[in-house]
Amino acid sequence: MFRLQGSKVLAVDVTGDAVKAKNGSMVAYDGQMAFKKLSGGGEGLRGMVTRRLTGEQMTVMEVRGQGTCWFADRASEINLVQLQGDTLYVESSNLLATDAGLRTGTTFTGLRGASQGNGLFTTTVEGHGQAAITSDGPAVVLRVSPQYPLSVDPGAYVAHQGNLRQSFQSGVTFRTFLGEGGGEAFQIRFEGDGLVYVQPSERNTIAGDA
């Protein structure tokens, strides 16, 4: 159902099942389509309330019909992820589209700092089907194994999947090593067995100077 046209445009063949996509991301369509704006982005009331509490903004539209839709998001690179009953954890701003076989929600991933107790939340995608995620530049998929844990700059983190444990090292950033850090910052550390998607560009994060 999902296919890439180039690296920055997603083509979706719609055959009656609903496709969810980031609101405003559709650039063209053919055939007969119906569009509906969805509140929240998670499934049901719990997902909506959780997003309100966390301040995570994600406006989603549902597309149904017969034909082809094309999606893009500010010329970002698009990456296709195939899920086989597992869960993908992704930054809400990096989730472009999901097919009808996938459910979206929100999960608590840890504390930004024990002293402040600020919670970090991320979007979950689970089930059987395809998801499209975006990245600022071509994403790199890094393997995490029990022998080789991985530390990631939060500004470069896009998504992860697999049997991974996530922890946060507060007060440490890659620039701290060079004496260039400022303010509170942290690294995201992954341990276990799975995949982590990172982008070759750093976004501004709540971690400050990451």
Protein backbone atom coordinates (compact mmCIF):
# COMPACT_ATOMS: atom_id res chain seq x y z
CA MET A 1 0.00 0.00 0.00
CA PHE A 2 2.84 2.43 0.86
CA ARG A 3 5.59 3.21 -1.64
CA LEU A 4 8.15 5.97 -2.04
CA GLN A 5 8.38 8.21 -5.10
CA GLY A 6 11.85 9.58 -4.70
CA SER A 7 12.91 9.93 -1.08
CA LYS A 8 10.60 12.77 -0.05
CA VAL A 9 7.14 11.80 -1.35
CA LEU A 10 4.99 8.94 -0.07
CA ALA A 11 2.42 7.39 -2.41
CA VAL A 12 -0.43 5.46 -0.78
CA ASP A 13 -2.87 3.32 -2.76
CA VAL A 14 -6.18 3.62 -0.91
CA THR A 15 -8.65 0.79 -1.48
CA GLY A 16 -11.34 1.52 1.10
CA ASP A 17 -9.41 1.11 4.34
CA ALA A 18 -8.59 4.24 6.30
CA VAL A 19 -5.13 5.74 6.19
CA LYS A 20 -4.07 8.14 8.95
CA ALA A 21 -1.64 10.92 8.10
CA LYS A 22 -0.28 14.13 9.56
CA ASN A 23 -2.77 16.92 8.94
CA GLY A 24 -1.77 19.08 5.99
CA SER A 25 0.75 16.56 4.62
CA MET A 26 -1.21 15.56 1.51
CA VAL A 27 0.13 17.17 -1.65
CA ALA A 28 -2.06 15.46 -4.30
CA TYR A 29 -4.61 12.72 -4.85
CA ASP A 30 -6.58 11.05 -7.60
CA GLY A 31 -9.80 9.05 -7.53
CA GLN A 32 -12.56 9.54 -4.97
CA MET A 33 -11.41 10.44 -1.45
CA ALA A 34 -13.07 11.47 1.81
CA PHE A 35 -11.13 13.32 4.50
CA LYS A 36 -11.80 13.63 8.22
CA LYS A 37 -9.82 15.53 10.83
CA LEU A 38 -9.18 13.49 13.97
CA SER A 39 -8.73 15.00 17.43
CA GLY A 40 -5.69 14.03 19.44
CA GLY A 41 -3.73 11.37 17.60
CA GLY A 42 -3.94 8.53 20.08
CA GLU A 43 -6.75 6.04 20.16
CA GLY A 44 -9.80 7.10 22.14
CA LEU A 45 -10.25 9.52 25.01
CA ARG A 46 -7.21 8.33 26.93
CA GLY A 47 -4.90 9.18 24.05
CA MET A 48 -6.44 12.63 23.68
CA VAL A 49 -6.18 13.43 27.37
CA THR A 50 -2.61 12.14 27.58
CA ARG A 51 -1.56 14.34 24.69
CA ARG A 52 -3.18 17.37 26.30
CA LEU A 53 -1.38 16.73 29.56
CA THR A 54 1.99 16.26 27.91
CA GLY A 55 1.61 19.14 25.49
CA GLU A 56 2.46 16.84 22.60
CA GLN A 57 0.87 18.29 19.49
CA MET A 58 -0.19 15.89 16.77
CA THR A 59 -3.09 16.64 14.45
CA VAL A 60 -4.12 13.69 12.31
CA MET A 61 -6.43 13.28 9.34
CA GLU A 62 -8.13 10.11 8.14
CA VAL A 63 -8.32 9.35 4.42
CA ARG A 64 -10.78 6.86 2.90
CA GLY A 65 -11.78 6.09 -0.65
CA GLN A 66 -10.47 4.64 -3.88
CA GLY A 67 -7.37 6.02 -5.55
CA THR A 68 -3.89 7.23 -4.72
CA CYS A 69 -2.78 9.91 -2.28
CA TRP A 70 0.64 11.53 -2.17
CA PHE A 71 2.06 12.85 1.10
CA ALA A 72 5.10 14.95 1.98
CA ASP A 73 6.26 17.05 4.93
CA ARG A 74 8.51 20.07 4.35
CA ALA A 75 10.79 18.11 1.98
CA SER A 76 11.80 15.75 4.78
CA GLU A 77 13.21 12.34 3.94
CA ILE A 78 10.62 9.56 4.33
CA ASN A 79 11.38 6.12 5.74
CA LEU A 80 9.05 3.10 5.56
CA VAL A 81 8.76 0.78 8.56
CA GLN A 82 7.06 -2.63 8.39
CA LEU A 83 5.53 -3.77 11.69
CA GLN A 84 4.70 -7.41 12.39
CA GLY A 85 2.78 -7.13 15.63
CA ASP A 86 5.57 -5.19 17.35
CA THR A 87 5.66 -1.57 18.52
CA LEU A 88 7.38 1.44 16.99
CA TYR A 89 8.19 4.35 19.31
CA VAL A 90 8.48 7.60 17.36
CA GLU A 91 8.60 11.34 17.99
CA SER A 92 5.14 12.71 17.12
CA SER A 93 6.60 15.30 14.74
CA ASN A 94 8.31 12.50 12.77
CA LEU A 95 5.23 10.33 12.21
CA LEU A 96 3.86 10.97 8.71
CA ALA A 97 1.33 8.19 8.05
CA THR A 98 0.05 4.79 9.20
CA ASP A 99 -2.12 2.25 7.45
CA ALA A 100 -5.38 0.75 8.68
CA GLY A 101 -3.73 -2.18 10.45
CA LEU A 102 -1.88 0.01 12.94
CA ARG A 103 -2.96 1.68 16.19
CA THR A 104 -1.43 4.87 17.56
CA GLY A 105 -1.16 6.01 21.17
CA THR A 106 1.09 7.69 23.70
CA THR A 107 3.41 6.17 26.26
CA PHE A 108 5.49 7.47 29.15
CA THR A 109 9.18 6.81 28.49
CA GLY A 110 10.89 8.15 31.60
CA LEU A 111 11.92 11.18 33.57
CA ARG A 112 14.00 13.94 32.14
CA GLY A 113 15.60 14.51 35.51
CA ALA A 114 14.88 13.11 38.93
CA SER A 115 15.28 16.55 40.45
CA GLN A 116 12.68 18.18 38.21
CA GLY A 117 10.50 15.14 37.57
CA ASN A 118 9.51 16.24 34.08
CA GLY A 119 8.00 13.35 32.15
CA LEU A 120 8.91 12.40 28.63
CA PHE A 121 6.26 10.93 26.37
CA THR A 122 6.49 9.44 22.92
CA THR A 123 4.04 8.26 20.26
CA THR A 124 3.52 4.52 19.82
CA VAL A 125 2.51 2.69 16.65
CA GLU A 126 1.63 -0.99 16.98
CA GLY A 127 0.03 -3.83 15.04
CA HIS A 128 0.56 -5.30 11.60
CA GLY A 129 1.14 -2.90 8.73
CA GLN A 130 3.25 -0.06 7.40
CA ALA A 131 4.19 3.28 8.89
CA ALA A 132 6.00 6.19 7.28
CA ILE A 133 8.33 8.30 9.43
CA THR A 134 10.22 11.43 8.44
CA SER A 135 13.75 12.57 9.16
CA ASP A 136 15.79 15.71 8.54
CA GLY A 137 18.18 14.16 6.06
CA PRO A 138 18.46 10.42 5.31
CA ALA A 139 17.83 8.39 8.47
CA VAL A 140 20.42 5.90 9.69
CA VAL A 141 19.21 2.69 11.33
CA LEU A 142 21.52 1.58 14.16
CA ARG A 143 21.45 -1.89 15.67
CA VAL A 144 21.51 -2.23 19.47
CA SER A 145 22.63 -5.57 20.93
CA PRO A 146 23.15 -6.74 24.53
CA GLN A 147 26.90 -6.39 24.03
CA TYR A 148 26.69 -2.94 22.45
CA PRO A 149 24.34 -0.40 24.10
CA LEU A 150 23.79 2.86 22.25
CA SER A 151 23.74 6.49 23.42
CA VAL A 152 21.88 8.98 21.22
CA ASP A 153 21.65 12.76 21.17
CA PRO A 154 17.94 13.55 21.73
CA GLY A 155 18.05 16.09 18.91
CA ALA A 156 19.02 13.35 16.46
CA TYR A 157 16.63 10.68 17.76
CA VAL A 158 13.70 9.79 15.48
CA ALA A 159 12.32 6.38 16.52
CA HIS A 160 13.12 2.92 17.87
CA GLN A 161 11.67 -0.59 17.86
CA GLY A 162 12.48 -3.96 19.37
CA ASN A 163 13.18 -5.17 22.88
CA LEU A 164 14.95 -2.07 24.13
CA ARG A 165 15.25 -0.44 27.54
CA GLN A 166 15.47 3.33 27.45
CA SER A 167 17.15 5.48 30.08
CA PHE A 168 18.23 9.10 30.34
CA GLN A 169 21.58 10.44 31.44
CA SER A 170 20.80 13.92 32.72
CA GLY A 171 23.40 16.66 32.65
CA VAL A 172 25.40 14.97 29.90
CA THR A 173 25.39 15.86 26.24
CA PHE A 174 27.79 15.23 23.38
CA ARG A 175 28.86 18.87 23.41
CA THR A 176 29.59 18.67 27.12
CA PHE A 177 32.57 16.50 26.25
CA LEU A 178 33.98 19.40 24.25
CA GLY A 179 33.16 22.01 26.86
CA GLU A 180 30.43 23.55 24.72
CA GLY A 181 27.34 22.45 26.63
CA GLY A 182 25.02 24.88 28.31
CA GLY A 183 21.98 24.39 30.53
CA GLU A 184 20.38 21.05 31.39
CA ALA A 185 20.86 18.38 28.77
CA PHE A 186 20.84 14.60 28.49
CA GLN A 187 21.61 11.60 26.36
CA ILE A 188 19.18 8.80 25.57
CA ARG A 189 20.71 5.39 26.28
CA PHE A 190 19.33 2.20 24.72
CA GLU A 191 20.10 -1.29 25.97
CA GLY A 192 18.80 -4.66 24.77
CA ASP A 193 18.10 -5.85 21.23
CA GLY A 194 16.51 -3.64 18.61
CA LEU A 195 16.84 -0.80 16.12
CA VAL A 196 17.19 2.97 16.61
CA TYR A 197 16.51 5.50 13.83
CA VAL A 198 18.61 8.67 13.96
CA GLN A 199 18.74 11.68 11.66
CA PRO A 200 21.88 13.58 10.55
CA SER A 201 20.51 16.85 11.93
CA GLU A 202 19.68 18.08 15.41
CA ARG A 203 16.30 19.59 16.24
CA ASN A 204 15.81 21.91 19.19
CA THR A 205 14.75 19.82 22.18
CA ILE A 206 13.45 20.43 25.69
CA ALA A 207 16.88 19.25 26.80
CA GLY A 208 18.29 22.68 26.05
CA ASP A 209 21.65 22.80 24.31
CA ALA A 210 21.84 19.22 23.08
